[in-house]
Protein backbone atom coordinates (compact mmCIF):
# COMPACT_ATOMS: atom_id res chain seq x y z
CA MET A 1 96.70 56.50 155.90
CA SER A 2 98.28 58.90 158.40
CA VAL A 3 101.50 60.65 157.55
CA LEU A 4 102.61 60.29 161.14
CA GLU A 5 101.57 57.82 163.78
CA VAL A 6 103.06 57.96 167.30
CA LYS A 7 102.15 55.21 169.74
CA ASN A 8 102.85 55.06 173.52
CA LEU A 9 106.03 57.21 173.29
CA GLU A 10 108.00 57.59 176.56
CA LYS A 11 111.28 59.25 177.32
CA HIS A 12 113.28 59.36 180.60
CA PHE A 13 116.20 61.50 181.67
CA ASP A 14 117.72 59.66 184.60
CA LYS A 15 114.81 59.05 186.90
CA THR A 16 112.67 61.83 185.42
CA LYS A 17 109.99 60.74 182.96
CA VAL A 18 109.71 63.62 180.46
CA LEU A 19 107.26 61.94 178.03
CA ASN A 20 104.44 59.72 179.30
CA ASP A 21 102.52 57.43 176.93
CA ILE A 22 102.29 59.94 174.05
CA SER A 23 100.05 58.77 171.19
CA PHE A 24 98.65 60.77 168.30
CA THR A 25 98.27 60.74 164.49
CA LEU A 26 98.75 63.43 161.85
CA GLU A 27 97.13 63.42 158.42
CA LYS A 28 98.79 64.69 155.23
CA GLY A 29 98.30 68.49 154.83
CA GLN A 30 97.36 69.03 158.50
CA ALA A 31 98.95 71.55 160.86
CA LEU A 32 99.27 70.34 164.42
CA SER A 33 100.11 72.80 167.20
CA ILE A 34 101.50 71.58 170.50
CA ILE A 35 100.93 73.89 173.44
CA GLY A 36 101.80 73.79 177.14
CA SER A 37 103.99 75.31 179.84
CA SER A 38 107.77 75.27 179.63
CA GLY A 39 109.00 71.88 180.79
CA SER A 40 105.85 70.07 179.75
CA GLY A 41 107.77 67.91 177.22
CA LYS A 42 106.96 69.64 173.98
CA THR A 43 110.50 70.18 172.71
CA THR A 44 111.60 66.71 173.92
CA LEU A 45 108.74 65.24 171.79
CA LEU A 46 109.96 67.12 168.73
CA ARG A 47 113.53 65.98 169.36
CA CYS A 48 112.34 62.35 169.59
CA LEU A 49 110.47 62.67 166.35
CA ASN A 50 113.58 64.07 164.65
CA PHE A 51 115.76 61.38 166.23
CA LEU A 52 117.85 63.83 168.11
CA GLU A 53 116.73 61.92 171.21
CA THR A 54 116.01 58.18 171.42
CA PRO A 55 112.68 57.28 173.09
CA ASP A 56 112.70 54.65 175.82
CA SER A 57 109.51 53.08 174.62
CA GLY A 58 106.87 53.41 171.93
CA SER A 59 106.96 53.65 168.18
CA ILE A 60 107.07 56.19 165.32
CA SER A 61 105.77 55.50 161.83
CA VAL A 62 105.78 57.81 158.80
CA ASN A 63 103.65 57.02 155.67
CA GLY A 64 103.04 53.58 157.05
CA GLU A 65 106.75 52.79 157.46
CA LEU A 66 107.85 51.89 160.99
CA LEU A 67 110.83 54.14 161.63
CA PHE A 68 111.28 53.34 165.30
CA ASP A 69 110.04 50.76 167.74
CA ALA A 70 111.73 50.56 171.11
CA ALA A 71 110.96 46.86 171.22
CA ASP A 72 112.54 46.15 167.83
CA PRO A 73 116.37 46.41 167.74
CA ALA A 74 116.33 46.49 163.94
CA THR A 75 114.70 49.95 164.07
CA ARG A 76 117.28 51.32 166.60
CA ARG A 77 120.39 51.14 164.44
CA GLU A 78 122.40 54.34 164.55
CA ALA A 79 123.36 53.85 160.87
CA ASP A 80 119.71 54.46 159.87
CA VAL A 81 119.18 57.67 161.82
CA ARG A 82 120.24 60.00 159.02
CA ARG A 83 117.82 58.42 156.58
CA LYS A 84 115.02 58.62 159.10
CA ARG A 85 115.67 62.31 159.80
CA LEU A 86 115.02 63.10 156.15
CA HIS A 87 111.29 62.58 156.77
CA PHE A 88 111.33 65.57 159.13
CA GLY A 89 112.48 69.17 158.70
CA LEU A 90 113.21 70.96 161.96
CA VAL A 91 113.21 74.76 162.43
CA PHE A 92 114.96 75.65 165.62
CA GLN A 93 113.93 78.60 167.85
CA SER A 94 117.54 79.95 167.72
CA PHE A 95 117.82 79.74 163.87
CA ASN A 96 121.06 77.69 163.90
CA LEU A 97 122.29 79.12 160.57
CA PHE A 98 125.88 78.60 159.54
CA PRO A 99 127.48 82.08 160.01
CA GLN A 100 130.18 81.42 157.35
CA TYR A 101 127.58 80.82 154.61
CA THR A 102 125.21 83.23 152.82
CA ALA A 103 121.45 82.80 153.03
CA LEU A 104 121.43 80.96 149.74
CA GLN A 105 124.33 78.70 150.71
CA ASN A 106 122.59 77.87 154.04
CA VAL A 107 119.55 76.70 152.02
CA THR A 108 121.45 74.73 149.40
CA LEU A 109 124.18 73.12 151.52
CA ALA A 110 122.30 70.01 152.72
CA PRO A 111 120.75 69.28 149.27
CA GLU A 112 124.16 69.56 147.68
CA LEU A 113 125.72 67.19 150.20
CA LEU A 114 122.92 64.74 149.62
CA ALA A 115 123.24 65.00 145.87
CA ARG A 116 126.89 63.92 146.03
CA GLU A 117 125.73 60.46 146.98
CA ARG A 118 123.91 60.08 143.64
CA GLU A 119 125.48 57.67 141.19
CA ASP A 120 125.23 60.18 138.38
CA TYR A 121 126.58 63.16 140.38
CA LYS A 122 130.02 63.29 138.79
CA SER A 123 128.64 63.19 135.25
CA LYS A 124 125.82 65.66 135.96
CA LYS A 125 127.37 67.81 138.73
CA LYS A 126 126.85 71.13 136.94
CA GLU A 127 123.15 70.46 136.10
CA ILE A 128 122.36 69.06 139.54
CA ASN A 129 123.93 71.95 141.41
CA ALA A 130 122.25 74.49 139.10
CA ALA A 131 118.86 72.89 139.84
CA ILE A 132 119.57 72.99 143.55
CA GLU A 133 120.52 76.66 143.40
CA ALA A 134 117.43 77.52 141.36
CA GLU A 135 115.21 75.81 143.95
CA GLY A 136 117.07 77.56 146.76
CA ARG A 137 116.38 80.94 145.14
CA GLU A 138 112.73 80.04 144.66
CA LEU A 139 112.42 79.16 148.36
CA LEU A 140 114.04 82.40 149.42
CA GLU A 141 111.68 84.24 147.08
CA ALA A 142 108.77 82.51 148.71
CA MET A 143 110.06 83.69 152.07
CA GLY A 144 110.26 87.28 150.77
CA LEU A 145 114.06 87.17 150.76
CA THR A 146 114.96 87.49 147.10
CA ASP A 147 117.28 90.46 147.78
CA ARG A 148 118.96 88.77 150.74
CA ALA A 149 120.28 85.64 149.02
CA GLY A 150 123.89 86.87 149.19
CA HIS A 151 123.72 88.16 152.74
CA TYR A 152 125.36 86.42 155.69
CA PRO A 153 123.35 85.73 158.88
CA HIS A 154 124.88 88.66 160.76
CA GLN A 155 123.52 90.94 158.07
CA LEU A 156 119.97 89.70 158.55
CA SER A 157 117.38 90.55 161.18
CA GLY A 158 116.16 87.78 163.44
CA GLY A 159 112.96 87.45 161.43
CA GLN A 160 114.91 87.17 158.19
CA GLN A 161 117.20 84.56 159.64
CA GLN A 162 114.21 82.50 160.80
CA ARG A 163 112.75 82.67 157.32
CA VAL A 164 116.10 81.47 155.91
CA ALA A 165 115.90 78.58 158.40
CA ILE A 166 112.42 77.71 157.17
CA ALA A 167 113.59 77.75 153.53
CA ARG A 168 116.54 75.51 154.55
CA ALA A 169 114.17 72.95 156.08
CA LEU A 170 111.81 73.04 153.10
CA ALA A 171 114.77 72.47 150.69
CA MET A 172 115.00 68.85 151.90
CA HIS A 173 111.41 68.15 150.96
CA PRO A 174 110.41 66.68 154.35
CA ASP A 175 107.22 64.78 154.90
CA ILE A 176 106.64 66.80 158.05
CA LEU A 177 107.93 70.30 158.82
CA CYS A 178 108.54 70.90 162.53
CA PHE A 179 108.83 74.22 164.36
CA ASP A 180 110.22 74.50 167.87
CA GLU A 181 108.76 77.81 169.20
CA PRO A 182 109.81 79.61 166.02
CA THR A 183 109.08 83.12 167.37
CA SER A 184 110.46 82.85 170.90
CA ALA A 185 113.82 84.42 169.98
CA LEU A 186 112.22 87.31 168.05
CA ASP A 187 111.23 90.78 169.03
CA PRO A 188 107.39 91.25 168.96
CA GLU A 189 107.58 93.32 165.74
CA LEU A 190 109.45 90.50 163.92
CA THR A 191 107.13 87.78 165.21
CA GLY A 192 104.40 88.68 162.79
CA GLU A 193 106.49 88.19 159.65
CA VAL A 194 107.45 84.62 160.65
CA LEU A 195 103.86 83.74 161.66
CA ARG A 196 102.68 85.03 158.26
CA VAL A 197 105.05 82.64 156.53
CA ILE A 198 103.86 79.70 158.63
CA ARG A 199 100.24 80.63 157.99
CA SER A 200 100.89 80.68 154.26
CA LEU A 201 102.44 77.26 154.51
CA ALA A 202 99.33 75.97 156.36
CA GLU A 203 97.17 77.45 153.55
CA GLN A 204 99.26 75.44 151.07
CA HIS A 205 98.47 72.34 153.19
CA THR A 206 102.06 71.75 154.25
CA THR A 207 102.11 69.06 156.86
CA MET A 208 103.46 70.68 160.04
CA ILE A 209 103.99 70.28 163.75
CA ILE A 210 104.33 73.62 165.59
CA VAL A 211 105.39 74.03 169.19
CA THR A 212 104.23 77.49 170.08
CA HIS A 213 103.18 79.88 172.83
CA GLU A 214 101.13 81.93 170.33
CA MET A 215 97.66 80.78 171.38
CA GLY A 216 95.62 82.85 168.95
CA PHE A 217 97.80 81.78 166.05
CA ALA A 218 97.61 78.11 167.11
CA ARG A 219 93.84 78.29 167.31
CA ASP A 220 93.47 79.94 163.91
CA VAL A 221 96.05 78.04 161.87
CA SER A 222 95.84 74.50 163.24
CA ASP A 223 93.76 71.53 162.16
CA ARG A 224 94.67 69.81 165.46
CA ILE A 225 95.94 71.00 168.82
CA ILE A 226 97.58 69.03 171.60
CA PHE A 227 97.91 70.43 175.16
CA MET A 228 100.74 68.84 177.15
CA ASP A 229 101.40 69.06 180.87
CA GLU A 230 104.17 67.25 182.82
CA GLY A 231 104.87 64.94 179.89
CA PHE A 232 101.25 63.86 179.32
CA ILE A 233 98.79 64.74 176.62
CA VAL A 234 96.00 66.28 178.71
CA GLU A 235 93.70 67.21 175.86
CA GLN A 236 93.75 67.06 172.01
CA GLY A 237 91.32 67.94 169.26
CA GLY A 238 90.53 70.82 167.00
CA SER A 239 90.48 74.57 167.67
CA GLU A 240 88.07 73.95 170.52
CA VAL A 241 90.98 72.84 172.68
CA ILE A 242 91.79 76.56 172.92
CA SER A 243 88.41 78.17 172.36
CA ASN A 244 86.41 75.77 174.55
CA PRO A 245 88.77 73.45 176.55
CA GLN A 246 87.16 70.54 178.36
CA MET A 247 89.90 69.77 180.92
CA GLU A 248 90.34 71.95 183.99
CA ARG A 249 94.16 71.83 183.58
CA THR A 250 93.84 73.19 180.03
CA ARG A 251 91.52 75.95 181.18
CA ARG A 252 93.95 77.01 183.90
CA PHE A 253 96.81 77.12 181.44
CA LEU A 254 94.85 79.14 178.93
CA SER A 255 93.63 81.63 181.55
CA GLY A 256 97.02 83.29 181.35
CA TYR A 257 96.61 84.03 177.65
CA GLY A 258 94.34 86.29 175.72
CA LYS A 259 92.50 83.98 173.31
């Protein structure tokens, strides 16, 4: 069974169709890279998957559960959006860390808020919060940030902030971890440290969707690659989408990159 199944997804902004009949599946443990020019619909697709935008048609299923079907009003209830978002973790290109919180607090905030809804929270508050903090420290350690747990975002480099953002997303144990151009706001020398973290997650078979302009990285780290243009999926498959594209539009796009 696929972790993610997207069928015939479409999205309009006024009269402009940004997503056109998008369909694909993603298996557990796979890394999927989405490539394409700016304005091709990549980020809008991620936002629809994370329910930051509402598709105009199509459906989204995770682990066999229908989360959204434009034709089914029962799946469009605003009250269910928060629960649906828990299936996805989104790492933004601009980090979006809370400046008033330390790195560790940024990682543990959402799990702590979620834990307060547990029936046993009041009676086990100390143990629950201690476990959340311990996991937060473990995630920062995995990101190479053990000594930065008490630092605020303004005290961290861009690469360190992005790694905190990755730890924060992982803290919610999402089924699918999504990256929206995770290195676009970084200097070239900091890009490598973030890509190394994502590569290590791929090696651990973390299920991921990565919107990226790093063609060599996408080719090497991804199980599947989708090339989008003007809201359409032009070509999808394995690493051959980059190394040996079949569609002329894909070839023209990749001609601007060193592969």
